[in-house]
Amino acid sequence: MFVLHVFFIVALACLTSSSGEGIQPVSLCSLPFWELDGDCFYVHDTKLNWHDARHFCTSLSGDNSEETGLATLKDCDQFSIIWQHLSTEFGPYGYWMGGTDEGQEGNWHWVTGESMPMGHPFWIHGQPHNHPEYNCMAYQQNTGYFVGWSCENELYFLCQEY
């Protein structure tokens, strides 16, 4: 029992600010980003085309040491967590994320350079369809899948600190 009390006191001390202002939330993220499963994301509430959304996300770096850009996903678990969060917090919209095949049709990659996951459970059936005008990836929240869309469409978008 003594060990449990000591653990609680140490944990509380770690969360208490040095100025004595009380318990502060611990976050790895700078504003306006919020933490989700160890990564930092931000959903913007203005619709932009993919290129303008990418520029906006990149501009959030400012003087910060963190690099920012359109969101990329590591794996199926993170995909599921993002889907759940967008479903409950933001609603059934389309969101630009950092996937594109601009430069080489059919070669989908994240803006960070890594290859994107292909097929199910990420992409909706029949996608990406490698149409020369659909070079930017959107997350279609109402279906829960990625789709290739025209980069000129205006959607909400998801930024990330890398």
C-alpha atoms as a PDB file:
ATOM      1  CA  MET A   1       0.000   0.000   0.000  1.00  0.00           C
ATOM      2  CA  PHE A   2       2.871   2.363   0.829  1.00  0.00           C
ATOM      3  CA  VAL A   3       4.340   1.832  -2.683  1.00  0.00           C
ATOM      4  CA  LEU A   4       1.008   2.767  -4.273  1.00  0.00           C
ATOM      5  CA  HIS A   5       0.868   6.031  -2.284  1.00  0.00           C
ATOM      6  CA  VAL A   6       4.455   6.897  -3.238  1.00  0.00           C
ATOM      7  CA  PHE A   7       3.697   6.194  -6.917  1.00  0.00           C
ATOM      8  CA  PHE A   8       0.620   8.459  -6.769  1.00  0.00           C
ATOM      9  CA  ILE A   9       2.604  11.286  -5.128  1.00  0.00           C
ATOM     10  CA  VAL A  10       5.429  11.012  -7.691  1.00  0.00           C
ATOM     11  CA  ALA A  11       2.942  10.928 -10.584  1.00  0.00           C
ATOM     12  CA  LEU A  12       1.130  13.970  -9.205  1.00  0.00           C
ATOM     13  CA  ALA A  13       4.431  15.812  -8.787  1.00  0.00           C
ATOM     14  CA  CYS A  14       5.298  15.143 -12.416  1.00  0.00           C
ATOM     15  CA  LEU A  15       2.025  16.718 -13.522  1.00  0.00           C
ATOM     16  CA  THR A  16       2.237  19.758 -11.231  1.00  0.00           C
ATOM     17  CA  SER A  17       3.852  22.849 -12.702  1.00  0.00           C
ATOM     18  CA  SER A  18       6.898  24.319 -11.010  1.00  0.00           C
ATOM     19  CA  SER A  19       5.013  27.575 -10.404  1.00  0.00           C
ATOM     20  CA  GLY A  20       2.470  25.745  -8.253  1.00  0.00           C
ATOM     21  CA  GLU A  21      -0.436  26.430 -10.599  1.00  0.00           C
ATOM     22  CA  GLY A  22      -1.747  22.888 -10.215  1.00  0.00           C
ATOM     23  CA  ILE A  23      -2.047  19.956 -12.558  1.00  0.00           C
ATOM     24  CA  GLN A  24      -1.232  20.676 -16.184  1.00  0.00           C
ATOM     25  CA  PRO A  25      -2.014  18.318 -19.083  1.00  0.00           C
ATOM     26  CA  VAL A  26       1.056  16.647 -20.477  1.00  0.00           C
ATOM     27  CA  SER A  27       1.254  17.002 -24.255  1.00  0.00           C
ATOM     28  CA  LEU A  28       3.937  16.397 -26.810  1.00  0.00           C
ATOM     29  CA  CYS A  29       2.188  18.774 -29.196  1.00  0.00           C
ATOM     30  CA  SER A  30       2.499  22.487 -29.798  1.00  0.00           C
ATOM     31  CA  LEU A  31      -0.637  24.558 -30.363  1.00  0.00           C
ATOM     32  CA  PRO A  32      -2.916  24.202 -32.332  1.00  0.00           C
ATOM     33  CA  PHE A  33      -2.100  20.469 -32.511  1.00  0.00           C
ATOM     34  CA  TRP A  34      -3.639  17.875 -30.195  1.00  0.00           C
ATOM     35  CA  GLU A  35      -2.238  14.511 -29.241  1.00  0.00           C
ATOM     36  CA  LEU A  36      -3.799  11.323 -30.484  1.00  0.00           C
ATOM     37  CA  ASP A  37      -2.078   8.005 -29.811  1.00  0.00           C
ATOM     38  CA  GLY A  38       1.352   9.622 -29.425  1.00  0.00           C
ATOM     39  CA  ASP A  39       1.183  11.768 -32.581  1.00  0.00           C
ATOM     40  CA  CYS A  40       0.118  15.391 -33.036  1.00  0.00           C
ATOM     41  CA  PHE A  41      -2.749  16.346 -35.374  1.00  0.00           C
ATOM     42  CA  TYR A  42      -4.826  19.377 -36.259  1.00  0.00           C
ATOM     43  CA  VAL A  43      -8.092  19.505 -38.224  1.00  0.00           C
ATOM     44  CA  HIS A  44      -8.621  22.810 -39.992  1.00  0.00           C
ATOM     45  CA  ASP A  45     -12.188  24.050 -40.265  1.00  0.00           C
ATOM     46  CA  THR A  46     -11.787  25.853 -43.601  1.00  0.00           C
ATOM     47  CA  LYS A  47     -11.988  24.041 -46.919  1.00  0.00           C
ATOM     48  CA  LEU A  48      -8.998  24.408 -49.246  1.00  0.00           C
ATOM     49  CA  ASN A  49      -7.704  22.583 -52.298  1.00  0.00           C
ATOM     50  CA  TRP A  50      -5.001  19.979 -51.645  1.00  0.00           C
ATOM     51  CA  HIS A  51      -2.013  22.192 -52.556  1.00  0.00           C
ATOM     52  CA  ASP A  52      -3.231  25.122 -50.445  1.00  0.00           C
ATOM     53  CA  ALA A  53      -3.981  22.745 -47.562  1.00  0.00           C
ATOM     54  CA  ARG A  54      -0.462  21.314 -47.831  1.00  0.00           C
ATOM     55  CA  HIS A  55       1.030  24.813 -47.819  1.00  0.00           C
ATOM     56  CA  PHE A  56      -1.095  25.794 -44.803  1.00  0.00           C
ATOM     57  CA  CYS A  57      -0.023  22.708 -42.826  1.00  0.00           C
ATOM     58  CA  THR A  58       3.630  23.286 -43.694  1.00  0.00           C
ATOM     59  CA  SER A  59       3.360  26.927 -42.579  1.00  0.00           C
ATOM     60  CA  LEU A  60       2.357  25.808 -39.061  1.00  0.00           C
ATOM     61  CA  SER A  61       6.008  24.924 -38.369  1.00  0.00           C
ATOM     62  CA  GLY A  62       6.909  28.602 -37.999  1.00  0.00           C
ATOM     63  CA  ASP A  63       9.761  28.970 -35.513  1.00  0.00           C
ATOM     64  CA  ASN A  64       8.910  25.594 -34.047  1.00  0.00           C
ATOM     65  CA  SER A  65      11.523  22.857 -34.331  1.00  0.00           C
ATOM     66  CA  GLU A  66       8.842  20.368 -35.417  1.00  0.00           C
ATOM     67  CA  GLU A  67       8.222  19.826 -39.117  1.00  0.00           C
ATOM     68  CA  THR A  68       4.549  19.944 -40.076  1.00  0.00           C
ATOM     69  CA  GLY A  69       2.521  18.957 -43.120  1.00  0.00           C
ATOM     70  CA  LEU A  70      -0.552  17.105 -44.278  1.00  0.00           C
ATOM     71  CA  ALA A  71      -1.154  14.034 -42.123  1.00  0.00           C
ATOM     72  CA  THR A  72       0.348  10.635 -42.879  1.00  0.00           C
ATOM     73  CA  LEU A  73      -0.613   7.387 -41.174  1.00  0.00           C
ATOM     74  CA  LYS A  74       1.789   4.754 -39.866  1.00  0.00           C
ATOM     75  CA  ASP A  75      -0.430   1.691 -39.807  1.00  0.00           C
ATOM     76  CA  CYS A  76      -3.919   0.217 -39.583  1.00  0.00           C
ATOM     77  CA  ASP A  77      -4.178   0.941 -35.849  1.00  0.00           C
ATOM     78  CA  GLN A  78      -3.528   4.637 -36.366  1.00  0.00           C
ATOM     79  CA  PHE A  79      -5.950   4.622 -39.317  1.00  0.00           C
ATOM     80  CA  SER A  80      -8.647   3.247 -36.996  1.00  0.00           C
ATOM     81  CA  ILE A  81      -7.902   5.781 -34.251  1.00  0.00           C
ATOM     82  CA  ILE A  82      -8.096   8.700 -36.724  1.00  0.00           C
ATOM     83  CA  TRP A  83     -11.364   7.364 -38.151  1.00  0.00           C
ATOM     84  CA  GLN A  84     -12.865   7.091 -34.658  1.00  0.00           C
ATOM     85  CA  HIS A  85     -11.723  10.573 -33.678  1.00  0.00           C
ATOM     86  CA  LEU A  86     -12.953  12.260 -36.857  1.00  0.00           C
ATOM     87  CA  SER A  87     -16.272  10.406 -36.588  1.00  0.00           C
ATOM     88  CA  THR A  88     -16.999  11.503 -33.049  1.00  0.00           C
ATOM     89  CA  GLU A  89     -15.464  14.983 -33.061  1.00  0.00           C
ATOM     90  CA  PHE A  90     -15.892  16.415 -36.562  1.00  0.00           C
ATOM     91  CA  GLY A  91     -18.556  14.642 -38.601  1.00  0.00           C
ATOM     92  CA  PRO A  92     -18.998  12.946 -41.974  1.00  0.00           C
ATOM     93  CA  TYR A  93     -16.795  15.042 -44.243  1.00  0.00           C
ATOM     94  CA  GLY A  94     -13.914  14.517 -46.609  1.00  0.00           C
ATOM     95  CA  TYR A  95     -10.460  15.463 -45.333  1.00  0.00           C
ATOM     96  CA  TRP A  96      -7.295  15.998 -47.316  1.00  0.00           C
ATOM     97  CA  MET A  97      -4.352  14.007 -46.054  1.00  0.00           C
ATOM     98  CA  GLY A  98      -0.780  13.792 -47.291  1.00  0.00           C
ATOM     99  CA  GLY A  99      -1.098  11.150 -50.010  1.00  0.00           C
ATOM    100  CA  THR A 100      -0.458  11.813 -53.699  1.00  0.00           C
ATOM    101  CA  ASP A 101       0.581  10.200 -56.957  1.00  0.00           C
ATOM    102  CA  GLU A 102       1.578  13.488 -58.604  1.00  0.00           C
ATOM    103  CA  GLY A 103       4.838  13.022 -60.416  1.00  0.00           C
ATOM    104  CA  GLN A 104       4.201   9.404 -61.376  1.00  0.00           C
ATOM    105  CA  GLU A 105       0.681   8.187 -62.012  1.00  0.00           C
ATOM    106  CA  GLY A 106      -0.192   5.167 -59.871  1.00  0.00           C
ATOM    107  CA  ASN A 107       2.805   5.548 -57.529  1.00  0.00           C
ATOM    108  CA  TRP A 108       1.021   6.677 -54.366  1.00  0.00           C
ATOM    109  CA  HIS A 109       3.240   7.985 -51.588  1.00  0.00           C
ATOM    110  CA  TRP A 110       3.016  10.200 -48.525  1.00  0.00           C
ATOM    111  CA  VAL A 111       4.297  13.778 -48.737  1.00  0.00           C
ATOM    112  CA  THR A 112       7.086  12.638 -46.404  1.00  0.00           C
ATOM    113  CA  GLY A 113       8.340  10.253 -49.119  1.00  0.00           C
ATOM    114  CA  GLU A 114       7.196   6.890 -47.726  1.00  0.00           C
ATOM    115  CA  SER A 115       5.013   4.550 -49.779  1.00  0.00           C
ATOM    116  CA  MET A 116       1.346   4.573 -48.873  1.00  0.00           C
ATOM    117  CA  PRO A 117      -0.517   1.440 -47.841  1.00  0.00           C
ATOM    118  CA  MET A 118      -2.624   0.126 -50.701  1.00  0.00           C
ATOM    119  CA  GLY A 119      -5.806  -1.921 -50.853  1.00  0.00           C
ATOM    120  CA  HIS A 120      -8.185  -2.916 -48.103  1.00  0.00           C
ATOM    121  CA  PRO A 121      -8.707  -1.756 -45.339  1.00  0.00           C
ATOM    122  CA  PHE A 122      -7.307   1.647 -46.370  1.00  0.00           C
ATOM    123  CA  TRP A 123      -8.755   2.358 -49.817  1.00  0.00           C
ATOM    124  CA  ILE A 124     -12.396   2.094 -50.822  1.00  0.00           C
ATOM    125  CA  HIS A 125     -13.112  -0.712 -53.308  1.00  0.00           C
ATOM    126  CA  GLY A 126     -11.848   0.219 -56.786  1.00  0.00           C
ATOM    127  CA  GLN A 127      -9.484   2.902 -55.480  1.00  0.00           C
ATOM    128  CA  PRO A 128      -7.054   4.265 -56.253  1.00  0.00           C
ATOM    129  CA  HIS A 129      -8.244   4.094 -59.827  1.00  0.00           C
ATOM    130  CA  ASN A 130      -5.177   5.812 -61.311  1.00  0.00           C
ATOM    131  CA  HIS A 131      -7.148   8.439 -63.191  1.00  0.00           C
ATOM    132  CA  PRO A 132      -4.768  11.175 -64.406  1.00  0.00           C
ATOM    133  CA  GLU A 133      -6.917  13.918 -62.848  1.00  0.00           C
ATOM    134  CA  TYR A 134      -7.260  12.290 -59.401  1.00  0.00           C
ATOM    135  CA  ASN A 135      -3.805  12.699 -57.887  1.00  0.00           C
ATOM    136  CA  CYS A 136      -4.524  13.644 -54.292  1.00  0.00           C
ATOM    137  CA  MET A 137      -5.719  11.418 -51.485  1.00  0.00           C
ATOM    138  CA  ALA A 138      -8.650  12.309 -49.300  1.00  0.00           C
ATOM    139  CA  TYR A 139      -9.975  10.472 -46.314  1.00  0.00           C
ATOM    140  CA  GLN A 140     -13.694  10.037 -46.900  1.00  0.00           C
ATOM    141  CA  GLN A 141     -15.035   9.955 -43.364  1.00  0.00           C
ATOM    142  CA  ASN A 142     -18.566   8.845 -44.268  1.00  0.00           C
ATOM    143  CA  THR A 143     -17.159   5.612 -45.751  1.00  0.00           C
ATOM    144  CA  GLY A 144     -14.012   5.351 -43.628  1.00  0.00           C
ATOM    145  CA  TYR A 145     -11.689   4.890 -46.628  1.00  0.00           C
ATOM    146  CA  PHE A 146      -9.104   6.727 -48.702  1.00  0.00           C
ATOM    147  CA  VAL A 147     -10.116   7.951 -52.167  1.00  0.00           C
ATOM    148  CA  GLY A 148      -8.204   9.611 -54.983  1.00  0.00           C
ATOM    149  CA  TRP A 149      -9.750  12.978 -55.873  1.00  0.00           C
ATOM    150  CA  SER A 150      -8.947  15.980 -57.998  1.00  0.00           C
ATOM    151  CA  CYS A 151      -6.474  18.153 -56.110  1.00  0.00           C
ATOM    152  CA  GLU A 152      -8.637  21.164 -56.979  1.00  0.00           C
ATOM    153  CA  ASN A 153     -11.572  20.012 -54.830  1.00  0.00           C
ATOM    154  CA  GLU A 154     -11.903  21.987 -51.626  1.00  0.00           C
ATOM    155  CA  LEU A 155     -12.068  19.917 -48.443  1.00  0.00           C
ATOM    156  CA  TYR A 156     -11.279  20.200 -44.775  1.00  0.00           C
ATOM    157  CA  PHE A 157      -7.831  18.827 -43.995  1.00  0.00           C
ATOM    158  CA  LEU A 158      -5.770  17.096 -41.357  1.00  0.00           C
ATOM    159  CA  CYS A 159      -2.306  18.443 -40.477  1.00  0.00           C
ATOM    160  CA  GLN A 160       0.371  16.657 -38.462  1.00  0.00           C
ATOM    161  CA  GLU A 161       3.587  17.409 -36.598  1.00  0.00           C
ATOM    162  CA  TYR A 162       6.123  14.828 -37.772  1.00  0.00           C
END
